[in-house]
Amino acid sequence: MGMTVSAVIVNYHTASFLPGAVKELSGNPNVQQILIVDNSGELSSGSGLGDGSLVEIIPNEVNRGFGAAVNQAVAMAGGFSQKASRGRVSITRKKMNRPYKSAGK
């Protein structure tokens, strides 16, 4: 099996875009987990996003901010984790100090 990643989506009043994002990510064989941090409190575990095997919703009652939400999800992620910050992406392996550079910018 190749490298697997946990995809992190931070939701803040963007629920209408989530089904398409989940569908695209679910079609990628390297995605082992999709973590959706709900910073708007508008989602529930039964939101109909995927079949439940890949998607996990992390509810927040208040908007914790993008960075805090990403860190919250990365703490729960398994395998490789993708961290994003204002358009810059790096992939790191948990318990390793050396970052892996992504193919993109």
C-alpha atoms as a PDB file:
ATOM      1  CA  MET A   1       0.000   0.000   0.000  1.00  0.00           C
ATOM      2  CA  GLY A   2       1.258   3.499  -0.832  1.00  0.00           C
ATOM      3  CA  MET A   3       1.286   6.601   1.306  1.00  0.00           C
ATOM      4  CA  THR A   4      -2.013   7.432   2.961  1.00  0.00           C
ATOM      5  CA  VAL A   5      -3.180  10.841   4.122  1.00  0.00           C
ATOM      6  CA  SER A   6      -5.787  12.297   6.405  1.00  0.00           C
ATOM      7  CA  ALA A   7      -7.564  15.175   4.698  1.00  0.00           C
ATOM      8  CA  VAL A   8      -8.655  18.095   6.872  1.00  0.00           C
ATOM      9  CA  ILE A   9     -11.528  20.401   5.943  1.00  0.00           C
ATOM     10  CA  VAL A  10     -12.351  23.396   8.106  1.00  0.00           C
ATOM     11  CA  ASN A  11     -16.019  24.342   7.748  1.00  0.00           C
ATOM     12  CA  TYR A  12     -17.327  27.783   8.595  1.00  0.00           C
ATOM     13  CA  HIS A  13     -20.723  28.283   6.948  1.00  0.00           C
ATOM     14  CA  THR A  14     -19.637  26.344   3.844  1.00  0.00           C
ATOM     15  CA  ALA A  15     -21.754  23.209   4.285  1.00  0.00           C
ATOM     16  CA  SER A  16     -23.112  23.446   0.729  1.00  0.00           C
ATOM     17  CA  PHE A  17     -19.609  22.792  -0.643  1.00  0.00           C
ATOM     18  CA  LEU A  18     -18.845  19.789   1.569  1.00  0.00           C
ATOM     19  CA  PRO A  19     -20.616  17.010  -0.404  1.00  0.00           C
ATOM     20  CA  GLY A  20     -18.528  17.785  -3.513  1.00  0.00           C
ATOM     21  CA  ALA A  21     -15.307  18.016  -1.522  1.00  0.00           C
ATOM     22  CA  VAL A  22     -16.009  14.737   0.292  1.00  0.00           C
ATOM     23  CA  LYS A  23     -16.883  13.023  -3.000  1.00  0.00           C
ATOM     24  CA  GLU A  24     -13.601  14.137  -4.602  1.00  0.00           C
ATOM     25  CA  LEU A  25     -11.505  13.133  -1.601  1.00  0.00           C
ATOM     26  CA  SER A  26     -13.314   9.793  -1.223  1.00  0.00           C
ATOM     27  CA  GLY A  27     -12.334   8.905  -4.778  1.00  0.00           C
ATOM     28  CA  ASN A  28      -8.644   9.208  -3.957  1.00  0.00           C
ATOM     29  CA  PRO A  29      -7.219   5.823  -2.880  1.00  0.00           C
ATOM     30  CA  ASN A  30      -4.556   7.534  -0.737  1.00  0.00           C
ATOM     31  CA  VAL A  31      -7.104   9.267   1.496  1.00  0.00           C
ATOM     32  CA  GLN A  32      -7.652   7.103   4.563  1.00  0.00           C
ATOM     33  CA  GLN A  33      -9.606   9.635   6.604  1.00  0.00           C
ATOM     34  CA  ILE A  34     -11.533  12.874   6.056  1.00  0.00           C
ATOM     35  CA  LEU A  35     -11.750  15.066   9.125  1.00  0.00           C
ATOM     36  CA  ILE A  36     -14.221  17.951   8.939  1.00  0.00           C
ATOM     37  CA  VAL A  37     -13.851  20.516  11.704  1.00  0.00           C
ATOM     38  CA  ASP A  38     -17.155  22.355  12.010  1.00  0.00           C
ATOM     39  CA  ASN A  39     -16.374  25.856  13.277  1.00  0.00           C
ATOM     40  CA  SER A  40     -19.933  27.039  12.707  1.00  0.00           C
ATOM     41  CA  GLY A  41     -21.933  24.422  14.601  1.00  0.00           C
ATOM     42  CA  GLU A  42     -24.092  23.752  11.533  1.00  0.00           C
ATOM     43  CA  LEU A  43     -23.202  20.081  10.993  1.00  0.00           C
ATOM     44  CA  SER A  44     -24.156  16.969  12.876  1.00  0.00           C
ATOM     45  CA  SER A  45     -22.717  13.463  12.712  1.00  0.00           C
ATOM     46  CA  GLY A  46     -25.698  12.478  10.532  1.00  0.00           C
ATOM     47  CA  SER A  47     -25.100  15.167   7.926  1.00  0.00           C
ATOM     48  CA  GLY A  48     -25.122  12.639   5.086  1.00  0.00           C
ATOM     49  CA  LEU A  49     -21.477  13.234   4.195  1.00  0.00           C
ATOM     50  CA  GLY A  50     -20.153   9.917   2.933  1.00  0.00           C
ATOM     51  CA  ASP A  51     -20.949   6.540   4.394  1.00  0.00           C
ATOM     52  CA  GLY A  52     -19.273   7.236   7.722  1.00  0.00           C
ATOM     53  CA  SER A  53     -16.259   5.025   7.153  1.00  0.00           C
ATOM     54  CA  LEU A  54     -13.968   7.846   5.984  1.00  0.00           C
ATOM     55  CA  VAL A  55     -15.667  10.991   7.255  1.00  0.00           C
ATOM     56  CA  GLU A  56     -15.478  12.162  10.842  1.00  0.00           C
ATOM     57  CA  ILE A  57     -17.048  15.450  11.931  1.00  0.00           C
ATOM     58  CA  ILE A  58     -15.399  17.342  14.770  1.00  0.00           C
ATOM     59  CA  PRO A  59     -17.996  19.780  16.150  1.00  0.00           C
ATOM     60  CA  ASN A  60     -17.069  23.129  17.690  1.00  0.00           C
ATOM     61  CA  GLU A  61     -19.741  25.275  19.294  1.00  0.00           C
ATOM     62  CA  VAL A  62     -17.752  28.431  18.508  1.00  0.00           C
ATOM     63  CA  ASN A  63     -15.414  29.473  15.701  1.00  0.00           C
ATOM     64  CA  ARG A  64     -11.969  28.546  17.001  1.00  0.00           C
ATOM     65  CA  GLY A  65     -10.245  29.995  13.949  1.00  0.00           C
ATOM     66  CA  PHE A  66      -8.642  28.225  10.998  1.00  0.00           C
ATOM     67  CA  GLY A  67      -5.277  27.447  12.601  1.00  0.00           C
ATOM     68  CA  ALA A  68      -6.754  26.065  15.815  1.00  0.00           C
ATOM     69  CA  ALA A  69      -9.223  23.949  13.845  1.00  0.00           C
ATOM     70  CA  VAL A  70      -6.459  22.487  11.670  1.00  0.00           C
ATOM     71  CA  ASN A  71      -4.381  21.687  14.753  1.00  0.00           C
ATOM     72  CA  GLN A  72      -7.420  20.088  16.377  1.00  0.00           C
ATOM     73  CA  ALA A  73      -7.899  17.780  13.388  1.00  0.00           C
ATOM     74  CA  VAL A  74      -4.201  16.979  12.950  1.00  0.00           C
ATOM     75  CA  ALA A  75      -4.112  15.803  16.562  1.00  0.00           C
ATOM     76  CA  MET A  76      -6.791  13.230  15.641  1.00  0.00           C
ATOM     77  CA  ALA A  77      -5.361  12.268  12.259  1.00  0.00           C
ATOM     78  CA  GLY A  78      -3.808   8.891  11.565  1.00  0.00           C
ATOM     79  CA  GLY A  79      -0.852   8.134   9.298  1.00  0.00           C
ATOM     80  CA  PHE A  80       0.369  11.096   7.313  1.00  0.00           C
ATOM     81  CA  SER A  81      -1.233  14.457   7.986  1.00  0.00           C
ATOM     82  CA  GLN A  82      -1.579  17.330   5.589  1.00  0.00           C
ATOM     83  CA  LYS A  83      -1.191  20.722   7.218  1.00  0.00           C
ATOM     84  CA  ALA A  84      -2.317  23.824   5.357  1.00  0.00           C
ATOM     85  CA  SER A  85      -1.713  27.429   6.260  1.00  0.00           C
ATOM     86  CA  ARG A  86      -2.861  30.222   3.975  1.00  0.00           C
ATOM     87  CA  GLY A  87      -2.247  28.305   0.752  1.00  0.00           C
ATOM     88  CA  ARG A  88       1.031  26.661   1.739  1.00  0.00           C
ATOM     89  CA  VAL A  89       0.856  22.916   2.208  1.00  0.00           C
ATOM     90  CA  SER A  90       3.326  20.518   3.753  1.00  0.00           C
ATOM     91  CA  ILE A  91       2.910  16.856   4.526  1.00  0.00           C
ATOM     92  CA  THR A  92       4.493  15.459   7.661  1.00  0.00           C
ATOM     93  CA  ARG A  93       4.635  11.984   9.113  1.00  0.00           C
ATOM     94  CA  LYS A  94       3.525  11.800  12.714  1.00  0.00           C
ATOM     95  CA  LYS A  95       6.381  11.346  15.195  1.00  0.00           C
ATOM     96  CA  MET A  96       8.956  12.552  12.667  1.00  0.00           C
ATOM     97  CA  ASN A  97      10.855  15.805  12.676  1.00  0.00           C
ATOM     98  CA  ARG A  98      11.603  15.952   8.940  1.00  0.00           C
ATOM     99  CA  PRO A  99       8.819  17.517   6.815  1.00  0.00           C
ATOM    100  CA  TYR A 100       7.838  16.106   3.444  1.00  0.00           C
ATOM    101  CA  LYS A 101       7.336  18.683   0.710  1.00  0.00           C
ATOM    102  CA  SER A 102       4.162  18.515  -1.328  1.00  0.00           C
ATOM    103  CA  ALA A 103       4.187  18.391  -5.126  1.00  0.00           C
ATOM    104  CA  GLY A 104       2.257  21.668  -5.284  1.00  0.00           C
ATOM    105  CA  LYS A 105       3.296  25.158  -4.300  1.00  0.00           C
END
